[in-house]
């Protein structure tokens, strides 16, 4: 059974940094793209970032481009989201997800329906 466990969320001041991690098990991690999504109170879940199976291609929402960096360690079956220059509008629950198909890449990784397993989420709160 696939399990995804996020960690690293918390409370940070505007302009601060956080690193989220997601540990995966139950699937050959190195064959699957991973995505990060977030959901703020009263809003729909939105795409944040994604990385292909090998780590050679990354994708970002315009709202986080230049501030967030997604990376992966296939030897440790983890994917990370490094978040810098955080803003109050980054406040949300952040979820990692694993793609449903092997060796996926491309802009369709921005679509939540492309993922079949999700973590429980980790809260990120940016205070002003």
Foldseek 3Di string as FASTA:
>chain_A
DKAKAKDWADEAAAQAKTKMKIAIDDDQQLFWKKFKWWDDPPGDIFGAKIAWSNRPDIDGDPVQPPFWDWGDDSVRRMIMIIGGRDDQVVWTWMKMFIFPDTRDDDPCVRPPVRTDDMHPTDTHGYHD
